[in-house]
Amino acid sequence: MRSPPPPSVYPPNTPPVRTRRPPVVQAGVVTALLVAGLWLQEITDQFVLGGALDNYGILPRNPDALSHIFSAPFLHGGFDHLLANTVPVAVLAFMSALRGLWRFLLATLIIVALGGGLVWLFGRGGSVHLGASELVFGYLAYLLGAGWWERSASAIIAAAVALLLYGGALWGVLPGNPEISWEAHLFGFVAGVVAAAVLHRKRKVVGRS
């Protein structure tokens, strides 16, 4: 007689173990989707819609355009404008996404909603504010704020690299060229600081006696 085969080490119908994608891969995918979306939108706007999407930029204090705060950071006034923003938004979005995918998505929402809302409230009237520079300054501030509040080695290194690469752009939060929305730069930066405080500031633990 043959002896029965040894029992399986694994229980039957064991589901396969799912492995999470490394943070670098997740950050790369979400950054690629963001940049591709910006370019696809602008190509469609220029060659199909004749620039009509630019009407969805922020019109300060216009109640009919309040919802435009969610579209304005993803619109551009031509390919030159988009080209100027592509590399900084890609680099800073990738670095921000490395801090955690869900944190990055929430930080983006805060930057878009709060930064755009402040532009709508306090921006110059009679002008349309649009462009991913609001995201650029928001992500830069987010990385700097994460380094300040988190105080981990990785957060401090990321903040230092971001400051080294794009610290010179901080002059853009001051009034200058009337054709450039310094308000979007300033309020995007403010919103990025708020996002970092909300998502990275350590809560004090209160002990009970």
Protein backbone atom coordinates (compact mmCIF):
# COMPACT_ATOMS: atom_id res chain seq x y z
CA MET A 1 0.00 0.00 0.00
CA ARG A 2 1.08 3.48 -0.73
CA SER A 3 1.07 5.88 2.17
CA PRO A 4 -1.20 8.93 1.69
CA PRO A 5 0.54 12.14 0.60
CA PRO A 6 1.52 14.50 3.42
CA PRO A 7 -1.03 17.17 4.18
CA SER A 8 -0.49 20.49 2.48
CA VAL A 9 1.25 23.11 4.54
CA TYR A 10 -1.15 25.74 3.22
CA PRO A 11 -4.91 25.54 3.70
CA PRO A 12 -6.94 24.98 0.52
CA ASN A 13 -8.10 27.95 -1.49
CA THR A 14 -5.64 30.30 0.17
CA PRO A 15 -5.95 33.68 -1.58
CA PRO A 16 -2.72 35.05 -3.06
CA VAL A 17 -0.91 37.59 -0.98
CA ARG A 18 -1.15 41.04 -2.50
CA THR A 19 2.02 43.07 -2.45
CA ARG A 20 1.82 46.84 -2.25
CA ARG A 21 3.58 48.89 -4.83
CA PRO A 22 6.71 50.63 -3.53
CA PRO A 23 6.21 54.33 -2.68
CA VAL A 24 8.49 55.34 -5.56
CA VAL A 25 6.26 53.51 -8.04
CA GLN A 26 3.08 55.00 -6.56
CA ALA A 27 4.58 58.48 -6.62
CA GLY A 28 5.74 58.01 -10.19
CA VAL A 29 2.34 56.80 -11.38
CA VAL A 30 0.34 59.61 -9.76
CA THR A 31 2.83 62.22 -11.02
CA ALA A 32 2.68 60.82 -14.56
CA LEU A 33 -1.12 60.91 -14.46
CA LEU A 34 -1.09 64.51 -13.24
CA VAL A 35 1.32 65.72 -15.93
CA ALA A 36 -0.41 63.71 -18.66
CA GLY A 37 -3.74 65.20 -17.60
CA LEU A 38 -2.36 68.74 -17.82
CA TRP A 39 -1.03 68.14 -21.32
CA LEU A 40 -4.10 66.30 -22.56
CA GLN A 41 -6.30 69.11 -21.33
CA GLU A 42 -4.19 71.81 -22.99
CA ILE A 43 -3.91 69.93 -26.30
CA THR A 44 -7.69 69.49 -26.33
CA ASP A 45 -8.22 73.13 -25.40
CA GLN A 46 -5.89 74.49 -28.07
CA PHE A 47 -6.73 72.22 -31.01
CA VAL A 48 -10.36 71.30 -30.35
CA LEU A 49 -11.95 74.00 -28.20
CA GLY A 50 -10.02 77.05 -29.35
CA GLY A 51 -8.93 78.06 -25.86
CA ALA A 52 -12.46 78.05 -24.47
CA LEU A 53 -11.41 76.23 -21.29
CA ASP A 54 -9.49 79.31 -20.16
CA ASN A 55 -12.88 80.77 -19.26
CA TYR A 56 -12.87 78.38 -16.31
CA GLY A 57 -10.03 80.22 -14.59
CA ILE A 58 -10.65 82.06 -11.32
CA LEU A 59 -12.56 85.33 -11.64
CA PRO A 60 -12.13 87.04 -8.27
CA ARG A 61 -15.36 87.69 -6.36
CA ASN A 62 -17.54 86.53 -9.24
CA PRO A 63 -20.12 84.23 -7.60
CA ASP A 64 -20.80 82.45 -10.88
CA ALA A 65 -17.14 81.43 -11.10
CA LEU A 66 -16.61 80.21 -7.54
CA SER A 67 -16.45 76.59 -8.68
CA HIS A 68 -13.57 77.55 -11.01
CA ILE A 69 -11.19 77.30 -8.05
CA PHE A 70 -11.19 73.53 -8.76
CA SER A 71 -10.39 73.87 -12.47
CA ALA A 72 -8.03 76.86 -12.59
CA PRO A 73 -4.82 75.09 -11.37
CA PHE A 74 -5.12 72.56 -14.20
CA LEU A 75 -5.59 75.12 -17.01
CA HIS A 76 -2.97 77.11 -18.92
CA GLY A 77 -2.95 80.05 -21.28
CA GLY A 78 -1.01 78.24 -24.00
CA PHE A 79 1.82 75.75 -24.39
CA ASP A 80 4.51 78.21 -23.28
CA HIS A 81 2.70 78.63 -19.98
CA LEU A 82 2.32 74.86 -19.58
CA LEU A 83 5.95 74.18 -20.48
CA ALA A 84 7.12 76.62 -17.81
CA ASN A 85 5.13 74.71 -15.16
CA THR A 86 5.63 71.11 -16.29
CA VAL A 87 9.05 70.34 -14.82
CA PRO A 88 8.57 72.06 -11.43
CA VAL A 89 5.11 70.57 -10.91
CA ALA A 90 6.39 67.11 -11.88
CA VAL A 91 9.43 67.26 -9.59
CA LEU A 92 7.60 68.72 -6.59
CA ALA A 93 4.52 66.52 -7.04
CA PHE A 94 6.73 63.42 -7.15
CA MET A 95 8.62 64.47 -4.02
CA SER A 96 5.35 65.27 -2.25
CA ALA A 97 3.78 61.95 -3.24
CA LEU A 98 6.75 60.15 -1.69
CA ARG A 99 5.51 61.45 1.68
CA GLY A 100 2.47 59.18 1.26
CA LEU A 101 -0.08 58.80 -1.51
CA TRP A 102 -3.19 59.64 0.51
CA ARG A 103 -1.45 62.54 2.18
CA PHE A 104 -0.46 63.82 -1.26
CA LEU A 105 -4.04 63.61 -2.54
CA LEU A 106 -5.39 65.39 0.55
CA ALA A 107 -2.65 68.02 0.32
CA THR A 108 -3.54 68.62 -3.33
CA LEU A 109 -7.20 69.06 -2.39
CA ILE A 110 -6.30 71.57 0.34
CA ILE A 111 -3.99 73.51 -1.99
CA VAL A 112 -6.60 73.66 -4.75
CA ALA A 113 -9.58 74.50 -2.52
CA LEU A 114 -7.95 76.82 0.04
CA GLY A 115 -5.42 78.43 -2.31
CA GLY A 116 -8.00 78.94 -5.02
CA GLY A 117 -10.57 80.21 -2.54
CA LEU A 118 -8.16 82.86 -1.29
CA VAL A 119 -7.37 83.91 -4.87
CA TRP A 120 -11.12 84.20 -5.50
CA LEU A 121 -11.50 86.37 -2.40
CA PHE A 122 -8.42 88.58 -2.63
CA GLY A 123 -7.11 88.35 -6.21
CA ARG A 124 -7.04 91.29 -8.57
CA GLY A 125 -10.38 91.92 -10.23
CA GLY A 126 -10.75 92.16 -13.99
CA SER A 127 -8.31 89.30 -14.59
CA VAL A 128 -8.43 85.52 -14.99
CA HIS A 129 -6.15 83.49 -12.71
CA LEU A 130 -5.13 80.04 -13.92
CA GLY A 131 -2.12 77.76 -14.11
CA ALA A 132 -0.37 74.97 -12.22
CA SER A 133 1.97 77.45 -10.53
CA GLU A 134 -0.54 77.39 -7.66
CA LEU A 135 0.30 73.69 -7.30
CA VAL A 136 4.03 74.35 -7.69
CA PHE A 137 4.09 76.82 -4.80
CA GLY A 138 1.67 74.67 -2.81
CA TYR A 139 3.82 71.54 -3.11
CA LEU A 140 6.98 73.51 -2.33
CA ALA A 141 5.40 74.86 0.86
CA TYR A 142 4.03 71.41 1.69
CA LEU A 143 7.50 69.86 1.54
CA LEU A 144 9.03 72.65 3.60
CA GLY A 145 6.23 72.41 6.17
CA ALA A 146 6.47 68.61 6.36
CA GLY A 147 10.17 68.94 7.13
CA TRP A 148 9.46 71.50 9.84
CA TRP A 149 6.65 69.63 11.60
CA GLU A 150 7.59 66.02 11.01
CA ARG A 151 11.29 66.47 11.83
CA SER A 152 12.20 63.05 10.38
CA ALA A 153 15.42 62.64 8.42
CA SER A 154 13.57 61.90 5.17
CA ALA A 155 11.25 64.90 5.55
CA ILE A 156 14.13 67.27 6.32
CA ILE A 157 16.15 65.99 3.35
CA ALA A 158 13.14 66.39 1.05
CA ALA A 159 12.59 69.94 2.31
CA ALA A 160 16.25 70.81 1.80
CA VAL A 161 16.26 69.42 -1.76
CA ALA A 162 13.04 71.27 -2.63
CA LEU A 163 14.45 74.50 -1.22
CA LEU A 164 17.71 74.04 -3.12
CA LEU A 165 15.92 73.38 -6.41
CA TYR A 166 13.11 75.92 -6.24
CA GLY A 167 13.81 78.23 -3.32
CA GLY A 168 14.59 81.05 -5.74
CA ALA A 169 11.01 80.91 -6.99
CA LEU A 170 9.77 82.21 -3.64
CA TRP A 171 10.22 85.75 -4.94
CA GLY A 172 7.20 84.94 -7.09
CA VAL A 173 4.86 85.45 -4.13
CA LEU A 174 5.50 89.21 -4.41
CA PRO A 175 3.73 91.51 -6.86
CA GLY A 176 5.66 91.93 -10.09
CA ASN A 177 4.73 91.18 -13.68
CA PRO A 178 1.03 92.11 -14.06
CA GLU A 179 0.59 89.20 -16.48
CA ILE A 180 1.59 86.70 -13.77
CA SER A 181 -0.76 85.76 -10.95
CA TRP A 182 1.43 86.35 -7.92
CA GLU A 183 -1.75 85.87 -5.88
CA ALA A 184 -1.94 82.23 -6.99
CA HIS A 185 1.73 81.84 -6.01
CA LEU A 186 1.20 83.42 -2.60
CA PHE A 187 -2.05 81.69 -1.68
CA GLY A 188 -0.90 78.38 -3.12
CA PHE A 189 2.10 78.63 -0.79
CA VAL A 190 -0.12 79.52 2.18
CA ALA A 191 -2.38 76.55 1.42
CA GLY A 192 0.65 74.25 1.18
CA VAL A 193 1.79 75.32 4.64
CA VAL A 194 -1.71 74.63 5.98
CA ALA A 195 -1.75 71.20 4.30
CA ALA A 196 1.60 70.32 5.90
CA ALA A 197 0.37 71.45 9.32
CA VAL A 198 -2.84 69.43 9.03
CA LEU A 199 -1.18 66.27 7.72
CA HIS A 200 2.24 66.25 9.42
CA ARG A 201 2.04 68.24 12.63
CA LYS A 202 2.53 65.92 15.59
CA ARG A 203 -0.28 65.94 18.11
CA LYS A 204 0.64 66.42 21.76
CA VAL A 205 -0.31 63.47 23.93
CA VAL A 206 -2.07 64.57 27.08
CA GLY A 207 -1.49 62.17 29.97
CA ARG A 208 -4.14 61.47 32.59
CA SER A 209 -3.26 61.28 36.26
